[in-house]
């Protein structure tokens, strides 16, 4: 980053907030600020847990509580404890809340139309394409990577999803019992680690690293949920695992993969992995890769 980039980002932020009316207390001409309007939109027709709303919007619990109290006072939402777990509170729109959300949706469409109307067809296409790319890039910045235990619920969810996808994509199907799966101890310190990616608090990917004392570090079980592919999470996983391996004094990083995973194979090659002879007896592998890495002087 440099000062010019920072300045451009700040200028973009000012332009967007002005164009969409964030600076006004009466967002879209209604008697509520944008925070309350956005909350109504996120609650939706089915209702949402308060915890999910906090995670989705990146807001602290106190601020969300104040917004919900205001919406409750106006008769737009109800907040009730879950019947099986009173620690979980569920927010639902009332009939008045649904009507208010419909008005906000209609006025949001009108605002979007007003932004596009002054432009010619080519300019509209450019603006929409640019907005799509910005939306994707900004979404990528909200993804977090955390090391978790292999038995963490988010890790189990990602691994189950990974195995299900392999079952669908491999010519022979996929049976975890037949694969060379690392045991739980191999994916947690000091023998390794397991990273989970989360978007708005929801698990959307995982990647494991084995750190055997006498062999190259090995990447295992890297998976990214289909709906977030394109955000660069695969490269981000590889970069973080390489950094971790380097910090542990490893000079090489290895992995194996199946021929059906063509996008993954292209990613590995792009990232600097070279195909090598088989280094294990993984029955589902057709390709084995290695990348030489520079060890960190801090370890």
Protein backbone atom coordinates (compact mmCIF):
# COMPACT_ATOMS: atom_id res chain seq x y z
CA UNK A 1 0.00 0.00 0.00
CA UNK A 2 1.05 3.59 -0.56
CA UNK A 3 -0.32 7.05 0.22
CA UNK A 4 -1.90 7.41 -3.23
CA UNK A 5 -3.80 4.13 -2.85
CA UNK A 6 -5.05 5.12 0.59
CA UNK A 7 -6.21 8.48 -0.77
CA UNK A 8 -8.10 6.83 -3.63
CA UNK A 9 -9.86 4.46 -1.25
CA UNK A 10 -10.92 7.34 1.00
CA UNK A 11 -12.19 9.31 -2.00
CA UNK A 12 -14.17 6.28 -3.18
CA UNK A 13 -15.70 5.90 0.29
CA UNK A 14 -16.78 9.54 0.35
CA UNK A 15 -18.34 9.30 -3.10
CA UNK A 16 -20.29 6.15 -2.25
CA UNK A 17 -21.61 7.41 1.09
CA UNK A 18 -22.80 10.61 -0.57
CA UNK A 19 -24.42 8.86 -3.54
CA UNK A 20 -26.36 6.27 -1.54
CA UNK A 21 -27.52 8.67 1.16
CA UNK A 22 -25.68 7.18 4.12
CA UNK A 23 -25.11 10.66 5.57
CA UNK A 24 -28.81 11.30 6.08
CA UNK A 25 -30.75 10.33 9.24
CA UNK A 26 -33.82 9.69 7.08
CA UNK A 27 -32.47 7.02 4.74
CA UNK A 28 -34.46 6.75 1.47
CA UNK A 29 -36.88 9.34 2.83
CA UNK A 30 -38.04 7.14 5.70
CA UNK A 31 -38.01 8.00 9.42
CA UNK A 32 -35.00 5.88 10.25
CA UNK A 33 -31.21 5.86 9.67
CA UNK A 34 -29.50 3.40 7.33
CA UNK A 35 -28.54 1.08 10.22
CA UNK A 36 -32.18 0.29 11.02
CA UNK A 37 -33.07 0.02 7.33
CA UNK A 38 -30.24 -2.45 6.70
CA UNK A 39 -31.27 -4.51 9.71
CA UNK A 40 -34.83 -4.80 8.36
CA UNK A 41 -33.46 -6.01 5.04
CA UNK A 42 -31.16 -8.62 6.64
CA UNK A 43 -33.90 -10.02 8.89
CA UNK A 44 -35.87 -10.91 5.78
CA UNK A 45 -39.02 -12.96 5.50
CA UNK A 46 -37.79 -15.92 7.55
CA UNK A 47 -36.31 -14.08 10.52
CA UNK A 48 -32.75 -14.25 11.86
CA UNK A 49 -30.91 -14.97 15.08
CA UNK A 50 -29.47 -11.86 16.75
CA UNK A 51 -26.03 -13.46 16.78
CA UNK A 52 -26.18 -14.04 13.01
CA UNK A 53 -27.14 -10.40 12.45
CA UNK A 54 -24.19 -9.20 14.52
CA UNK A 55 -21.78 -11.41 12.58
CA UNK A 56 -23.26 -10.53 9.20
CA UNK A 57 -23.09 -6.78 9.73
CA UNK A 58 -19.94 -6.70 11.85
CA UNK A 59 -21.64 -4.77 14.65
CA UNK A 60 -21.15 -4.98 18.39
CA UNK A 61 -23.94 -6.41 20.52
CA UNK A 62 -24.76 -3.10 22.20
CA UNK A 63 -25.35 -1.27 18.92
CA UNK A 64 -27.47 -4.11 17.51
CA UNK A 65 -29.53 -4.14 20.70
CA UNK A 66 -30.21 -0.41 20.39
CA UNK A 67 -31.28 -0.78 16.76
CA UNK A 68 -33.58 -3.67 17.62
CA UNK A 69 -35.16 -1.79 20.53
CA UNK A 70 -35.95 1.09 18.20
CA UNK A 71 -37.50 -1.24 15.63
CA UNK A 72 -39.48 -3.02 18.37
CA UNK A 73 -40.78 0.31 19.68
CA UNK A 74 -42.00 1.14 16.17
CA UNK A 75 -43.77 -2.24 15.98
CA UNK A 76 -41.65 -3.46 13.08
CA UNK A 77 -39.99 -6.51 14.68
CA UNK A 78 -40.38 -8.99 17.49
CA UNK A 79 -37.46 -10.45 19.43
CA UNK A 80 -38.09 -13.79 21.14
CA UNK A 81 -35.89 -16.44 22.79
CA UNK A 82 -35.51 -19.76 21.04
CA UNK A 83 -37.85 -22.37 22.58
CA UNK A 84 -35.00 -24.87 23.11
CA UNK A 85 -32.23 -22.45 24.02
CA UNK A 86 -33.17 -19.16 25.68
CA UNK A 87 -29.67 -17.80 25.07
CA UNK A 88 -30.53 -17.65 21.36
CA UNK A 89 -32.82 -14.78 20.38
CA UNK A 90 -34.69 -14.72 17.08
CA UNK A 91 -35.82 -11.55 15.32
CA UNK A 92 -38.85 -11.60 13.01
CA UNK A 93 -40.59 -8.91 11.01
CA UNK A 94 -44.14 -8.00 11.94
CA UNK A 95 -46.72 -7.22 9.25
CA UNK A 96 -45.76 -3.57 9.60
CA UNK A 97 -42.09 -4.52 9.33
CA UNK A 98 -42.72 -6.45 6.11
CA UNK A 99 -44.56 -3.45 4.68
CA UNK A 100 -41.71 -1.11 5.65
CA UNK A 101 -39.16 -3.45 4.11
CA UNK A 102 -41.16 -3.50 0.86
CA UNK A 103 -41.11 0.29 0.74
CA UNK A 104 -37.36 0.34 1.37
CA UNK A 105 -36.83 -2.23 -1.39
CA UNK A 106 -38.83 -0.17 -3.86
CA UNK A 107 -37.00 3.04 -2.98
CA UNK A 108 -33.63 1.25 -3.15
CA UNK A 109 -34.50 0.18 -6.69
CA UNK A 110 -35.41 3.78 -7.52
CA UNK A 111 -32.10 5.02 -6.09
CA UNK A 112 -30.16 2.49 -8.16
CA UNK A 113 -32.08 3.62 -11.23
CA UNK A 114 -31.24 7.26 -10.50
CA UNK A 115 -27.53 6.40 -10.36
CA UNK A 116 -27.68 4.66 -13.75
CA UNK A 117 -30.05 7.00 -15.57
CA UNK A 118 -27.59 9.84 -16.38
CA UNK A 119 -25.19 7.37 -18.03
CA UNK A 120 -25.29 5.97 -21.54
CA UNK A 121 -25.49 2.21 -22.13
CA UNK A 122 -21.73 1.71 -22.30
CA UNK A 123 -21.17 3.70 -19.11
CA UNK A 124 -23.87 1.75 -17.30
CA UNK A 125 -22.22 -1.52 -18.27
CA UNK A 126 -18.84 -0.22 -17.07
CA UNK A 127 -20.28 0.98 -13.76
CA UNK A 128 -22.12 -2.26 -13.04
CA UNK A 129 -19.04 -4.34 -13.95
CA UNK A 130 -16.86 -2.17 -11.72
CA UNK A 131 -19.36 -2.43 -8.85
CA UNK A 132 -19.43 -6.21 -9.23
CA UNK A 133 -15.64 -6.40 -9.01
CA UNK A 134 -15.49 -4.02 -6.05
CA UNK A 135 -18.18 -6.01 -4.27
CA UNK A 136 -16.19 -9.21 -4.79
CA UNK A 137 -12.93 -7.67 -3.61
CA UNK A 138 -14.49 -6.06 -0.55
CA UNK A 139 -16.16 -9.34 0.34
CA UNK A 140 -12.76 -11.03 0.17
CA UNK A 141 -11.41 -8.59 2.77
CA UNK A 142 -14.05 -9.69 5.28
CA UNK A 143 -13.00 -13.36 5.23
CA UNK A 144 -11.04 -14.41 8.32
CA UNK A 145 -8.64 -17.34 8.71
CA UNK A 146 -8.36 -18.99 12.11
CA UNK A 147 -6.55 -22.05 13.38
CA UNK A 148 -9.01 -24.43 15.03
CA UNK A 149 -9.01 -27.93 16.46
CA UNK A 150 -10.01 -30.65 13.96
CA UNK A 151 -13.08 -31.48 16.08
CA UNK A 152 -14.36 -27.89 16.08
CA UNK A 153 -17.91 -27.75 14.63
CA UNK A 154 -16.80 -25.41 11.82
CA UNK A 155 -13.93 -27.74 10.91
CA UNK A 156 -16.23 -30.75 10.88
CA UNK A 157 -18.70 -28.88 8.66
CA UNK A 158 -15.97 -27.97 6.15
CA UNK A 159 -14.51 -31.48 6.06
CA UNK A 160 -17.94 -33.08 5.57
CA UNK A 161 -18.64 -30.64 2.74
CA UNK A 162 -15.24 -31.42 1.23
CA UNK A 163 -15.82 -35.18 1.33
CA UNK A 164 -19.30 -34.76 -0.18
CA UNK A 165 -17.89 -32.76 -3.10
CA UNK A 166 -15.14 -35.33 -3.71
CA UNK A 167 -17.76 -38.10 -3.71
CA UNK A 168 -19.59 -36.25 -6.48
CA UNK A 169 -16.55 -35.29 -8.56
CA UNK A 170 -14.25 -38.32 -8.45
CA UNK A 171 -14.80 -41.01 -11.07
CA UNK A 172 -14.63 -43.69 -8.40
CA UNK A 173 -16.44 -41.70 -5.70
CA UNK A 174 -14.71 -40.97 -2.42
CA UNK A 175 -14.58 -43.00 0.77
CA UNK A 176 -12.72 -41.25 3.61
CA UNK A 177 -11.92 -44.66 5.12
CA UNK A 178 -9.86 -45.54 2.04
CA UNK A 179 -7.94 -42.26 1.93
CA UNK A 180 -4.73 -41.38 3.74
CA UNK A 181 -6.47 -38.98 6.09
CA UNK A 182 -4.34 -37.31 8.75
CA UNK A 183 -5.40 -38.16 12.27
CA UNK A 184 -6.56 -35.37 14.57
CA UNK A 185 -3.15 -34.99 16.17
CA UNK A 186 -1.46 -34.33 12.83
CA UNK A 187 -3.53 -31.20 12.22
CA UNK A 188 -2.95 -29.42 15.50
CA UNK A 189 0.19 -28.08 17.22
CA UNK A 190 2.94 -29.05 17.35
CA UNK A 191 2.48 -31.56 14.51
CA UNK A 192 0.42 -29.31 12.27
CA UNK A 193 -2.59 -27.03 12.11
CA UNK A 194 -6.01 -26.68 10.54
CA UNK A 195 -7.25 -23.34 9.23
CA UNK A 196 -10.91 -22.47 8.79
CA UNK A 197 -12.07 -19.55 6.66
CA UNK A 198 -15.20 -17.70 7.80
CA UNK A 199 -17.33 -15.17 5.97
CA UNK A 200 -19.67 -13.21 8.24
CA UNK A 201 -19.01 -15.84 10.90
CA UNK A 202 -19.99 -18.78 8.68
CA UNK A 203 -17.38 -21.43 7.73
CA UNK A 204 -16.58 -21.33 4.00
CA UNK A 205 -13.31 -23.24 3.68
CA UNK A 206 -10.53 -25.15 5.35
CA UNK A 207 -6.92 -26.20 4.81
CA UNK A 208 -4.66 -28.40 6.86
CA UNK A 209 -0.88 -28.54 7.26
CA UNK A 210 1.15 -31.50 8.48
CA UNK A 211 4.53 -30.67 10.00
CA UNK A 212 6.37 -33.99 10.35
CA UNK A 213 9.82 -33.59 11.96
CA UNK A 214 11.66 -35.63 9.34
CA UNK A 215 9.89 -34.80 6.06
CA UNK A 216 8.58 -31.89 4.02
CA UNK A 217 5.49 -30.09 5.25
CA UNK A 218 2.33 -31.35 3.59
CA UNK A 219 -0.94 -29.59 2.71
CA UNK A 220 -4.04 -31.66 3.36
CA UNK A 221 -7.79 -31.22 2.90
CA UNK A 222 -7.91 -27.79 1.29
CA UNK A 223 -11.47 -26.88 0.34
CA UNK A 224 -13.33 -23.66 -0.53
CA UNK A 225 -17.12 -23.51 -0.63
CA UNK A 226 -18.45 -23.13 -4.21
CA UNK A 227 -20.33 -19.89 -3.49
CA UNK A 228 -17.14 -18.05 -2.42
CA UNK A 229 -14.81 -19.31 -5.12
CA UNK A 230 -13.30 -16.41 -6.98
CA UNK A 231 -12.43 -14.49 -3.79
CA UNK A 232 -8.83 -15.71 -3.82
CA UNK A 233 -9.20 -17.95 -0.77
CA UNK A 234 -7.20 -20.77 -2.35
CA UNK A 235 -4.19 -18.51 -2.83
CA UNK A 236 -4.67 -17.07 0.62
CA UNK A 237 -4.67 -20.54 2.16
CA UNK A 238 -1.52 -21.49 0.26
CA UNK A 239 0.28 -18.30 1.30
CA UNK A 240 -0.60 -18.76 4.97
CA UNK A 241 0.33 -22.44 5.02
CA UNK A 242 3.63 -21.70 3.28
CA UNK A 243 4.38 -19.00 5.86
CA UNK A 244 3.55 -21.39 8.69
CA UNK A 245 5.78 -24.10 7.21
CA UNK A 246 8.63 -21.62 6.79
CA UNK A 247 8.29 -20.48 10.40
CA UNK A 248 8.68 -24.09 11.46
CA UNK A 249 11.92 -24.42 9.50
CA UNK A 250 10.55 -26.44 6.57
CA UNK A 251 12.25 -25.95 3.20
CA UNK A 252 9.63 -27.74 1.08
CA UNK A 253 5.85 -27.93 0.87
CA UNK A 254 4.08 -30.91 -0.69
CA UNK A 255 0.58 -31.99 -1.64
CA UNK A 256 -1.24 -34.61 -3.66
CA UNK A 257 -4.45 -34.24 -5.65
CA UNK A 258 -6.90 -35.99 -7.95
CA UNK A 259 -7.03 -35.40 -11.73
CA UNK A 260 -10.67 -34.31 -11.45
CA UNK A 261 -9.69 -31.19 -9.49
CA UNK A 262 -8.48 -29.26 -12.52
CA UNK A 263 -8.96 -25.77 -11.04
CA UNK A 264 -6.93 -26.76 -7.98
CA UNK A 265 -4.16 -28.21 -10.15
CA UNK A 266 -3.97 -24.96 -12.13
CA UNK A 267 -3.79 -22.99 -8.87
CA UNK A 268 -0.93 -25.12 -7.53
CA UNK A 269 1.08 -24.69 -10.72
CA UNK A 270 0.42 -20.96 -10.79
CA UNK A 271 1.56 -20.70 -7.18
CA UNK A 272 4.91 -22.33 -7.97
CA UNK A 273 4.35 -26.01 -7.24
CA UNK A 274 6.21 -28.45 -9.49
CA UNK A 275 4.96 -31.95 -10.24
CA UNK A 276 7.14 -34.68 -8.73
CA UNK A 277 7.11 -38.46 -8.34
CA UNK A 278 4.61 -39.96 -5.93
CA UNK A 279 5.70 -39.51 -2.33
CA UNK A 280 2.86 -41.49 -0.74
CA UNK A 281 0.35 -44.20 -1.57
CA UNK A 282 -2.81 -42.08 -1.57
CA UNK A 283 -5.28 -44.16 -3.63
CA UNK A 284 -7.20 -41.11 -4.85
CA UNK A 285 -4.13 -39.15 -6.03
CA UNK A 286 -3.00 -38.81 -9.64
CA UNK A 287 -0.62 -35.86 -9.18
CA UNK A 288 1.98 -35.06 -6.55
CA UNK A 289 3.45 -31.57 -6.18
CA UNK A 290 6.26 -29.87 -4.30
CA UNK A 291 7.34 -26.27 -3.80
CA UNK A 292 10.69 -25.27 -2.37
CA UNK A 293 10.31 -22.52 0.20
CA UNK A 294 12.58 -20.20 2.16
CA UNK A 295 12.70 -20.95 5.86
CA UNK A 296 12.06 -18.15 8.33
CA UNK A 297 14.96 -16.91 10.43
CA UNK A 298 12.58 -16.32 13.38
CA UNK A 299 12.29 -20.00 14.23
